[in-house]
All heavy atoms as atom14 arrays in JSON, in Angstrom:
{
  "sequence": "AIEDNDYSRSWARLGQSLPQPQAILVVSAHWMTKGSTLVN",
  "atom14_mask": [
    [1, 1, 1, 1, 1, 0, 0, 0, 0, 0, 0, 0, 0, 0],
    [1, 1, 1, 1, 1, 1, 1, 1, 0, 0, 0, 0, 0, 0],
    [1, 1, 1, 1, 1, 1, 1, 1, 1, 0, 0, 0, 0, 0],
    [1, 1, 1, 1, 1, 1, 1, 1, 0, 0, 0, 0, 0, 0],
    [1, 1, 1, 1, 1, 1, 1, 1, 0, 0, 0, 0, 0, 0],
    [1, 1, 1, 1, 1, 1, 1, 1, 0, 0, 0, 0, 0, 0],
    [1, 1, 1, 1, 1, 1, 1, 1, 1, 1, 1, 1, 0, 0],
    [1, 1, 1, 1, 1, 1, 0, 0, 0, 0, 0, 0, 0, 0],
    [1, 1, 1, 1, 1, 1, 1, 1, 1, 1, 1, 0, 0, 0],
    [1, 1, 1, 1, 1, 1, 0, 0, 0, 0, 0, 0, 0, 0],
    [1, 1, 1, 1, 1, 1, 1, 1, 1, 1, 1, 1, 1, 1],
    [1, 1, 1, 1, 1, 0, 0, 0, 0, 0, 0, 0, 0, 0],
    [1, 1, 1, 1, 1, 1, 1, 1, 1, 1, 1, 0, 0, 0],
    [1, 1, 1, 1, 1, 1, 1, 1, 0, 0, 0, 0, 0, 0],
    [1, 1, 1, 1, 0, 0, 0, 0, 0, 0, 0, 0, 0, 0],
    [1, 1, 1, 1, 1, 1, 1, 1, 1, 0, 0, 0, 0, 0],
    [1, 1, 1, 1, 1, 1, 0, 0, 0, 0, 0, 0, 0, 0],
    [1, 1, 1, 1, 1, 1, 1, 1, 0, 0, 0, 0, 0, 0],
    [1, 1, 1, 1, 1, 1, 1, 0, 0, 0, 0, 0, 0, 0],
    [1, 1, 1, 1, 1, 1, 1, 1, 1, 0, 0, 0, 0, 0],
    [1, 1, 1, 1, 1, 1, 1, 0, 0, 0, 0, 0, 0, 0],
    [1, 1, 1, 1, 1, 1, 1, 1, 1, 0, 0, 0, 0, 0],
    [1, 1, 1, 1, 1, 0, 0, 0, 0, 0, 0, 0, 0, 0],
    [1, 1, 1, 1, 1, 1, 1, 1, 0, 0, 0, 0, 0, 0],
    [1, 1, 1, 1, 1, 1, 1, 1, 0, 0, 0, 0, 0, 0],
    [1, 1, 1, 1, 1, 1, 1, 0, 0, 0, 0, 0, 0, 0],
    [1, 1, 1, 1, 1, 1, 1, 0, 0, 0, 0, 0, 0, 0],
    [1, 1, 1, 1, 1, 1, 0, 0, 0, 0, 0, 0, 0, 0],
    [1, 1, 1, 1, 1, 0, 0, 0, 0, 0, 0, 0, 0, 0],
    [1, 1, 1, 1, 1, 1, 1, 1, 1, 1, 0, 0, 0, 0],
    [1, 1, 1, 1, 1, 1, 1, 1, 1, 1, 1, 1, 1, 1],
    [1, 1, 1, 1, 1, 1, 1, 1, 0, 0, 0, 0, 0, 0],
    [1, 1, 1, 1, 1, 1, 1, 0, 0, 0, 0, 0, 0, 0],
    [1, 1, 1, 1, 1, 1, 1, 1, 1, 0, 0, 0, 0, 0],
    [1, 1, 1, 1, 0, 0, 0, 0, 0, 0, 0, 0, 0, 0],
    [1, 1, 1, 1, 1, 1, 0, 0, 0, 0, 0, 0, 0, 0],
    [1, 1, 1, 1, 1, 1, 1, 0, 0, 0, 0, 0, 0, 0],
    [1, 1, 1, 1, 1, 1, 1, 1, 0, 0, 0, 0, 0, 0],
    [1, 1, 1, 1, 1, 1, 1, 0, 0, 0, 0, 0, 0, 0],
    [1, 1, 1, 1, 1, 1, 1, 1, 0, 0, 0, 0, 0, 0]
  ],
  "atom14_positions": [
    [[24.76, -121.78, -63.3], [25.23, -120.56, -62.53], [25.64, -120.98, -61.17], [26.39, -120.26, -60.46], [24.17, -119.58, -62.45], [0.0, 0.0, 0.0], [0.0, 0.0, 0.0], [0.0, 0.0, 0.0], [0.0, 0.0, 0.0], [0.0, 0.0, 0.0], [0.0, 0.0, 0.0], [0.0, 0.0, 0.0], [0.0, 0.0, 0.0], [0.0, 0.0, 0.0]],
    [[25.05, -122.04, -60.65], [25.42, -122.48, -59.17], [26.12, -123.89, -59.09], [26.37, -124.31, -58.13], [24.18, -122.41, -58.35], [23.08, -123.39, -58.93], [23.76, -121.09, -58.16], [21.89, -123.43, -58.03], [0.0, 0.0, 0.0], [0.0, 0.0, 0.0], [0.0, 0.0, 0.0], [0.0, 0.0, 0.0], [0.0, 0.0, 0.0], [0.0, 0.0, 0.0]],
    [[26.43, -124.62, -60.22], [26.99, -125.82, -60.28], [28.53, -125.72, -60.74], [28.84, -124.9, -61.56], [26.23, -126.77, -61.31], [24.8, -127.08, -60.88], [24.11, -128.07, -61.78], [24.68, -128.19, -62.91], [23.11, -128.59, -61.47], [0.0, 0.0, 0.0], [0.0, 0.0, 0.0], [0.0, 0.0, 0.0], [0.0, 0.0, 0.0], [0.0, 0.0, 0.0]],
    [[29.29, -126.53, -60.16], [30.66, -126.72, -60.6], [30.74, -127.86, -61.69], [30.68, -129.0, -61.29], [31.5, -127.07, -59.32], [33.1, -127.42, -59.72], [33.27, -126.88, -60.89], [33.61, -127.99, -59.0], [0.0, 0.0, 0.0], [0.0, 0.0, 0.0], [0.0, 0.0, 0.0], [0.0, 0.0, 0.0], [0.0, 0.0, 0.0], [0.0, 0.0, 0.0]],
    [[30.7, -127.38, -62.99], [30.51, -128.33, -64.02], [31.61, -127.91, -65.07], [32.29, -126.91, -64.97], [29.29, -128.58, -64.49], [28.56, -127.22, -65.01], [29.32, -126.43, -65.48], [27.18, -127.22, -64.83], [0.0, 0.0, 0.0], [0.0, 0.0, 0.0], [0.0, 0.0, 0.0], [0.0, 0.0, 0.0], [0.0, 0.0, 0.0], [0.0, 0.0, 0.0]],
    [[31.68, -128.67, -66.14], [32.53, -128.34, -67.24], [32.26, -126.91, -67.83], [33.24, -126.23, -68.31], [32.46, -129.42, -68.33], [32.98, -130.75, -68.03], [33.72, -130.86, -67.07], [32.68, -131.79, -68.71], [0.0, 0.0, 0.0], [0.0, 0.0, 0.0], [0.0, 0.0, 0.0], [0.0, 0.0, 0.0], [0.0, 0.0, 0.0], [0.0, 0.0, 0.0]],
    [[31.07, -126.65, -67.9], [30.71, -125.22, -68.5], [31.15, -124.13, -67.58], [31.75, -123.17, -68.04], [29.29, -125.18, -68.65], [28.69, -126.38, -69.58], [27.63, -127.09, -69.1], [29.27, -126.61, -70.8], [27.01, -128.2, -69.94], [28.69, -127.76, -71.58], [27.67, -128.54, -71.04], [27.14, -129.4, -71.79], [0.0, 0.0, 0.0], [0.0, 0.0, 0.0]],
    [[30.75, -124.14, -66.38], [31.09, -123.13, -65.4], [32.66, -122.94, -65.27], [33.22, -121.85, -65.26], [30.44, -123.34, -64.08], [30.92, -124.53, -63.46], [0.0, 0.0, 0.0], [0.0, 0.0, 0.0], [0.0, 0.0, 0.0], [0.0, 0.0, 0.0], [0.0, 0.0, 0.0], [0.0, 0.0, 0.0], [0.0, 0.0, 0.0], [0.0, 0.0, 0.0]],
    [[33.3, -124.12, -65.25], [34.83, -124.11, -65.06], [35.42, -123.49, -66.41], [36.39, -122.8, -66.27], [35.34, -125.52, -64.82], [35.04, -125.93, -63.42], [35.9, -127.18, -63.19], [35.51, -128.36, -63.89], [34.54, -129.18, -63.53], [33.88, -129.03, -62.43], [34.21, -130.24, -64.32], [0.0, 0.0, 0.0], [0.0, 0.0, 0.0], [0.0, 0.0, 0.0]],
    [[34.86, -123.72, -67.55], [35.36, -123.21, -68.84], [35.08, -121.63, -68.84], [36.03, -121.02, -69.38], [34.68, -123.88, -70.07], [33.31, -123.31, -70.3], [0.0, 0.0, 0.0], [0.0, 0.0, 0.0], [0.0, 0.0, 0.0], [0.0, 0.0, 0.0], [0.0, 0.0, 0.0], [0.0, 0.0, 0.0], [0.0, 0.0, 0.0], [0.0, 0.0, 0.0]],
    [[34.05, -121.16, -68.36], [33.8, -119.78, -68.28], [34.82, -119.13, -67.38], [35.37, -118.04, -67.62], [32.45, -119.46, -67.87], [31.37, -120.0, -68.87], [31.52, -120.26, -70.11], [29.99, -120.43, -68.39], [30.3, -120.85, -70.69], [29.41, -120.97, -69.53], [29.26, -120.39, -67.21], [28.09, -121.36, -69.54], [28.06, -120.86, -67.28], [27.38, -121.38, -68.46]],
    [[35.05, -119.78, -66.22], [36.13, -119.2, -65.31], [37.42, -119.1, -65.96], [38.21, -118.16, -65.81], [36.17, -119.91, -64.06], [0.0, 0.0, 0.0], [0.0, 0.0, 0.0], [0.0, 0.0, 0.0], [0.0, 0.0, 0.0], [0.0, 0.0, 0.0], [0.0, 0.0, 0.0], [0.0, 0.0, 0.0], [0.0, 0.0, 0.0], [0.0, 0.0, 0.0]],
    [[37.9, -120.14, -66.67], [39.13, -120.24, -67.45], [39.21, -119.06, -68.48], [40.28, -118.59, -68.74], [39.44, -121.54, -68.09], [39.76, -122.61, -66.93], [40.3, -123.85, -67.68], [39.39, -124.48, -68.67], [38.51, -125.49, -68.32], [38.51, -125.88, -67.12], [37.79, -125.95, -69.26], [0.0, 0.0, 0.0], [0.0, 0.0, 0.0], [0.0, 0.0, 0.0]],
    [[38.19, -118.9, -69.17], [38.02, -117.94, -70.2], [38.16, -116.56, -69.55], [38.98, -115.75, -70.05], [36.76, -117.96, -71.0], [36.48, -116.84, -71.98], [37.53, -116.9, -73.01], [35.1, -116.95, -72.57], [0.0, 0.0, 0.0], [0.0, 0.0, 0.0], [0.0, 0.0, 0.0], [0.0, 0.0, 0.0], [0.0, 0.0, 0.0], [0.0, 0.0, 0.0]],
    [[37.55, -116.27, -68.42], [37.67, -114.96, -67.75], [39.18, -114.69, -67.36], [39.49, -113.56, -67.39], [0.0, 0.0, 0.0], [0.0, 0.0, 0.0], [0.0, 0.0, 0.0], [0.0, 0.0, 0.0], [0.0, 0.0, 0.0], [0.0, 0.0, 0.0], [0.0, 0.0, 0.0], [0.0, 0.0, 0.0], [0.0, 0.0, 0.0], [0.0, 0.0, 0.0]],
    [[39.88, -115.75, -67.02], [41.26, -115.44, -66.66], [42.13, -115.16, -67.85], [43.16, -114.61, -67.72], [41.79, -116.79, -65.93], [41.12, -117.12, -64.53], [41.38, -118.47, -64.2], [42.1, -119.28, -64.78], [40.65, -118.94, -63.04], [0.0, 0.0, 0.0], [0.0, 0.0, 0.0], [0.0, 0.0, 0.0], [0.0, 0.0, 0.0], [0.0, 0.0, 0.0]],
    [[41.58, -115.45, -69.03], [42.35, -115.14, -70.3], [41.97, -113.9, -70.85], [42.79, -113.38, -71.7], [42.2, -116.36, -71.29], [42.49, -117.58, -70.8], [0.0, 0.0, 0.0], [0.0, 0.0, 0.0], [0.0, 0.0, 0.0], [0.0, 0.0, 0.0], [0.0, 0.0, 0.0], [0.0, 0.0, 0.0], [0.0, 0.0, 0.0], [0.0, 0.0, 0.0]],
    [[40.95, -113.33, -70.54], [40.39, -112.0, -71.04], [41.04, -110.86, -70.29], [41.23, -110.87, -69.13], [38.85, -111.93, -70.86], [38.13, -112.97, -71.74], [36.6, -112.88, -71.4], [38.33, -112.88, -73.26], [0.0, 0.0, 0.0], [0.0, 0.0, 0.0], [0.0, 0.0, 0.0], [0.0, 0.0, 0.0], [0.0, 0.0, 0.0], [0.0, 0.0, 0.0]],
    [[41.28, -109.85, -71.01], [41.64, -108.49, -70.17], [40.53, -107.97, -69.42], [39.29, -108.34, -69.61], [42.1, -107.63, -71.45], [41.23, -108.06, -72.68], [41.08, -109.53, -72.42], [0.0, 0.0, 0.0], [0.0, 0.0, 0.0], [0.0, 0.0, 0.0], [0.0, 0.0, 0.0], [0.0, 0.0, 0.0], [0.0, 0.0, 0.0], [0.0, 0.0, 0.0]],
    [[40.79, -107.05, -68.65], [39.79, -106.19, -67.84], [39.14, -105.12, -68.8], [39.88, -104.18, -69.16], [40.46, -105.62, -66.62], [39.37, -105.01, -65.65], [38.87, -106.1, -64.74], [39.1, -107.2, -64.85], [38.23, -105.46, -63.79], [0.0, 0.0, 0.0], [0.0, 0.0, 0.0], [0.0, 0.0, 0.0], [0.0, 0.0, 0.0], [0.0, 0.0, 0.0]],
    [[38.01, -105.29, -69.08], [37.32, -104.17, -69.97], [37.09, -103.03, -69.33], [37.01, -102.93, -68.07], [36.07, -104.95, -70.48], [36.03, -106.29, -70.02], [36.98, -106.39, -68.78], [0.0, 0.0, 0.0], [0.0, 0.0, 0.0], [0.0, 0.0, 0.0], [0.0, 0.0, 0.0], [0.0, 0.0, 0.0], [0.0, 0.0, 0.0], [0.0, 0.0, 0.0]],
    [[36.77, -101.89, -70.09], [36.34, -100.61, -69.44], [34.79, -100.82, -69.08], [34.29, -100.24, -68.25], [36.41, -99.47, -70.48], [37.8, -99.21, -70.79], [38.71, -98.8, -69.55], [38.29, -97.95, -68.84], [39.84, -99.41, -69.27], [0.0, 0.0, 0.0], [0.0, 0.0, 0.0], [0.0, 0.0, 0.0], [0.0, 0.0, 0.0], [0.0, 0.0, 0.0]],
    [[34.14, -101.61, -69.93], [32.67, -101.89, -69.75], [32.46, -103.1, -70.59], [33.14, -103.6, -71.45], [31.83, -100.84, -70.28], [0.0, 0.0, 0.0], [0.0, 0.0, 0.0], [0.0, 0.0, 0.0], [0.0, 0.0, 0.0], [0.0, 0.0, 0.0], [0.0, 0.0, 0.0], [0.0, 0.0, 0.0], [0.0, 0.0, 0.0], [0.0, 0.0, 0.0]],
    [[31.25, -103.7, -70.23], [30.75, -105.06, -70.92], [29.29, -104.7, -71.46], [28.42, -104.29, -70.77], [30.66, -106.17, -70.05], [32.16, -106.47, -69.49], [30.2, -107.48, -70.84], [32.13, -107.5, -68.19], [0.0, 0.0, 0.0], [0.0, 0.0, 0.0], [0.0, 0.0, 0.0], [0.0, 0.0, 0.0], [0.0, 0.0, 0.0], [0.0, 0.0, 0.0]],
    [[29.09, -104.92, -72.87], [27.85, -104.92, -73.42], [27.32, -106.23, -73.53], [28.05, -106.98, -74.3], [27.86, -104.03, -74.74], [26.61, -103.71, -75.42], [26.86, -102.66, -76.62], [25.98, -105.0, -76.2], [0.0, 0.0, 0.0], [0.0, 0.0, 0.0], [0.0, 0.0, 0.0], [0.0, 0.0, 0.0], [0.0, 0.0, 0.0], [0.0, 0.0, 0.0]],
    [[26.23, -106.57, -73.04], [25.69, -108.02, -73.07], [24.37, -107.95, -73.99], [23.49, -107.24, -73.91], [25.32, -108.57, -71.77], [24.81, -110.02, -71.82], [26.52, -108.53, -70.74], [0.0, 0.0, 0.0], [0.0, 0.0, 0.0], [0.0, 0.0, 0.0], [0.0, 0.0, 0.0], [0.0, 0.0, 0.0], [0.0, 0.0, 0.0], [0.0, 0.0, 0.0]],
    [[24.42, -108.91, -74.99], [23.23, -109.18, -75.84], [22.67, -110.51, -75.43], [23.32, -111.6, -75.75], [23.56, -109.06, -77.25], [22.33, -109.31, -78.16], [24.45, -107.89, -77.66], [0.0, 0.0, 0.0], [0.0, 0.0, 0.0], [0.0, 0.0, 0.0], [0.0, 0.0, 0.0], [0.0, 0.0, 0.0], [0.0, 0.0, 0.0], [0.0, 0.0, 0.0]],
    [[21.6, -110.54, -74.59], [21.17, -111.79, -73.99], [19.91, -112.22, -74.57], [19.08, -111.37, -75.12], [20.9, -111.6, -72.49], [20.11, -112.62, -71.95], [0.0, 0.0, 0.0], [0.0, 0.0, 0.0], [0.0, 0.0, 0.0], [0.0, 0.0, 0.0], [0.0, 0.0, 0.0], [0.0, 0.0, 0.0], [0.0, 0.0, 0.0], [0.0, 0.0, 0.0]],
    [[19.74, -113.49, -74.76], [18.54, -114.19, -75.29], [17.23, -113.76, -74.59], [16.15, -113.97, -74.93], [18.72, -115.58, -75.34], [0.0, 0.0, 0.0], [0.0, 0.0, 0.0], [0.0, 0.0, 0.0], [0.0, 0.0, 0.0], [0.0, 0.0, 0.0], [0.0, 0.0, 0.0], [0.0, 0.0, 0.0], [0.0, 0.0, 0.0], [0.0, 0.0, 0.0]],
    [[17.48, -113.36, -73.23], [16.3, -113.12, -72.32], [15.8, -111.8, -72.15], [14.96, -111.46, -71.36], [16.68, -113.75, -71.03], [16.92, -115.15, -71.09], [15.94, -116.2, -71.1], [18.08, -115.88, -71.1], [16.34, -117.3, -71.16], [17.75, -117.3, -71.16], [0.0, 0.0, 0.0], [0.0, 0.0, 0.0], [0.0, 0.0, 0.0], [0.0, 0.0, 0.0]],
    [[16.23, -110.85, -73.17], [15.78, -109.49, -73.16], [15.14, -109.37, -74.56], [15.95, -108.87, -75.45], [16.64, -108.33, -72.72], [15.96, -107.03, -72.47], [14.61, -106.88, -72.4], [16.57, -105.87, -72.49], [14.35, -105.45, -72.31], [15.62, -104.81, -72.32], [17.87, -105.41, -72.55], [15.8, -103.5, -72.33], [18.11, -103.96, -72.52], [17.2, -103.05, -72.26]],
    [[13.93, -109.65, -74.7], [13.29, -109.54, -76.15], [12.39, -108.35, -76.16], [11.56, -108.02, -75.23], [12.49, -110.8, -76.41], [13.37, -111.97, -76.63], [12.35, -113.59, -76.63], [12.09, -113.81, -74.82], [0.0, 0.0, 0.0], [0.0, 0.0, 0.0], [0.0, 0.0, 0.0], [0.0, 0.0, 0.0], [0.0, 0.0, 0.0], [0.0, 0.0, 0.0]],
    [[12.39, -107.57, -77.32], [11.63, -106.51, -77.55], [10.94, -106.69, -79.01], [11.35, -107.48, -79.75], [12.36, -105.17, -77.4], [13.57, -105.2, -78.2], [12.62, -104.85, -75.94], [0.0, 0.0, 0.0], [0.0, 0.0, 0.0], [0.0, 0.0, 0.0], [0.0, 0.0, 0.0], [0.0, 0.0, 0.0], [0.0, 0.0, 0.0], [0.0, 0.0, 0.0]],
    [[10.04, -105.85, -79.36], [9.35, -105.99, -80.65], [9.24, -104.51, -81.18], [8.56, -103.74, -80.71], [7.97, -106.67, -80.51], [7.99, -108.0, -80.12], [6.56, -108.68, -79.96], [6.65, -110.11, -79.82], [5.3, -110.77, -79.72], [0.0, 0.0, 0.0], [0.0, 0.0, 0.0], [0.0, 0.0, 0.0], [0.0, 0.0, 0.0], [0.0, 0.0, 0.0]],
    [[10.11, -104.25, -82.26], [9.95, -103.06, -82.96], [10.94, -102.1, -82.54], [11.14, -100.95, -83.12], [0.0, 0.0, 0.0], [0.0, 0.0, 0.0], [0.0, 0.0, 0.0], [0.0, 0.0, 0.0], [0.0, 0.0, 0.0], [0.0, 0.0, 0.0], [0.0, 0.0, 0.0], [0.0, 0.0, 0.0], [0.0, 0.0, 0.0], [0.0, 0.0, 0.0]],
    [[11.87, -102.36, -81.57], [12.85, -101.46, -81.05], [13.94, -102.27, -80.44], [13.95, -103.32, -80.17], [12.36, -100.43, -79.98], [11.85, -101.12, -78.79], [0.0, 0.0, 0.0], [0.0, 0.0, 0.0], [0.0, 0.0, 0.0], [0.0, 0.0, 0.0], [0.0, 0.0, 0.0], [0.0, 0.0, 0.0], [0.0, 0.0, 0.0], [0.0, 0.0, 0.0]],
    [[15.17, -101.53, -80.35], [16.3, -102.0, -79.74], [16.66, -101.3, -78.61], [16.97, -100.08, -78.58], [17.6, -102.12, -80.71], [17.29, -102.8, -81.87], [18.82, -102.66, -80.03], [0.0, 0.0, 0.0], [0.0, 0.0, 0.0], [0.0, 0.0, 0.0], [0.0, 0.0, 0.0], [0.0, 0.0, 0.0], [0.0, 0.0, 0.0], [0.0, 0.0, 0.0]],
    [[16.44, -101.81, -77.39], [16.49, -101.01, -76.15], [17.93, -101.18, -75.53], [18.56, -102.24, -75.68], [15.46, -101.42, -75.04], [14.01, -101.3, -75.45], [13.11, -101.54, -74.29], [13.82, -99.79, -75.94], [0.0, 0.0, 0.0], [0.0, 0.0, 0.0], [0.0, 0.0, 0.0], [0.0, 0.0, 0.0], [0.0, 0.0, 0.0], [0.0, 0.0, 0.0]],
    [[18.5, -100.11, -74.95], [19.82, -100.11, -74.25], [19.59, -99.69, -72.89], [18.97, -98.55, -72.56], [20.66, -99.02, -75.12], [22.1, -99.33, -74.45], [20.77, -99.36, -76.59], [0.0, 0.0, 0.0], [0.0, 0.0, 0.0], [0.0, 0.0, 0.0], [0.0, 0.0, 0.0], [0.0, 0.0, 0.0], [0.0, 0.0, 0.0], [0.0, 0.0, 0.0]],
    [[19.95, -100.5, -72.04], [19.75, -100.11, -70.53], [20.77, -99.13, -70.19], [21.98, -99.35, -70.25], [19.86, -101.38, -69.61], [19.49, -101.13, -68.23], [20.38, -101.0, -67.41], [18.33, -100.94, -67.96], [0.0, 0.0, 0.0], [0.0, 0.0, 0.0], [0.0, 0.0, 0.0], [0.0, 0.0, 0.0], [0.0, 0.0, 0.0], [0.0, 0.0, 0.0]]
  ]
}
């Protein structure tokens, strides 16, 4: 997230290729629940 490397540069290039969404729904590995699917 704070380094200028091949990964961060590829994400920036991808962003330049994507359209502007109305909203973004993120399914992240770092929000884990047990027995339910939570929506923020």
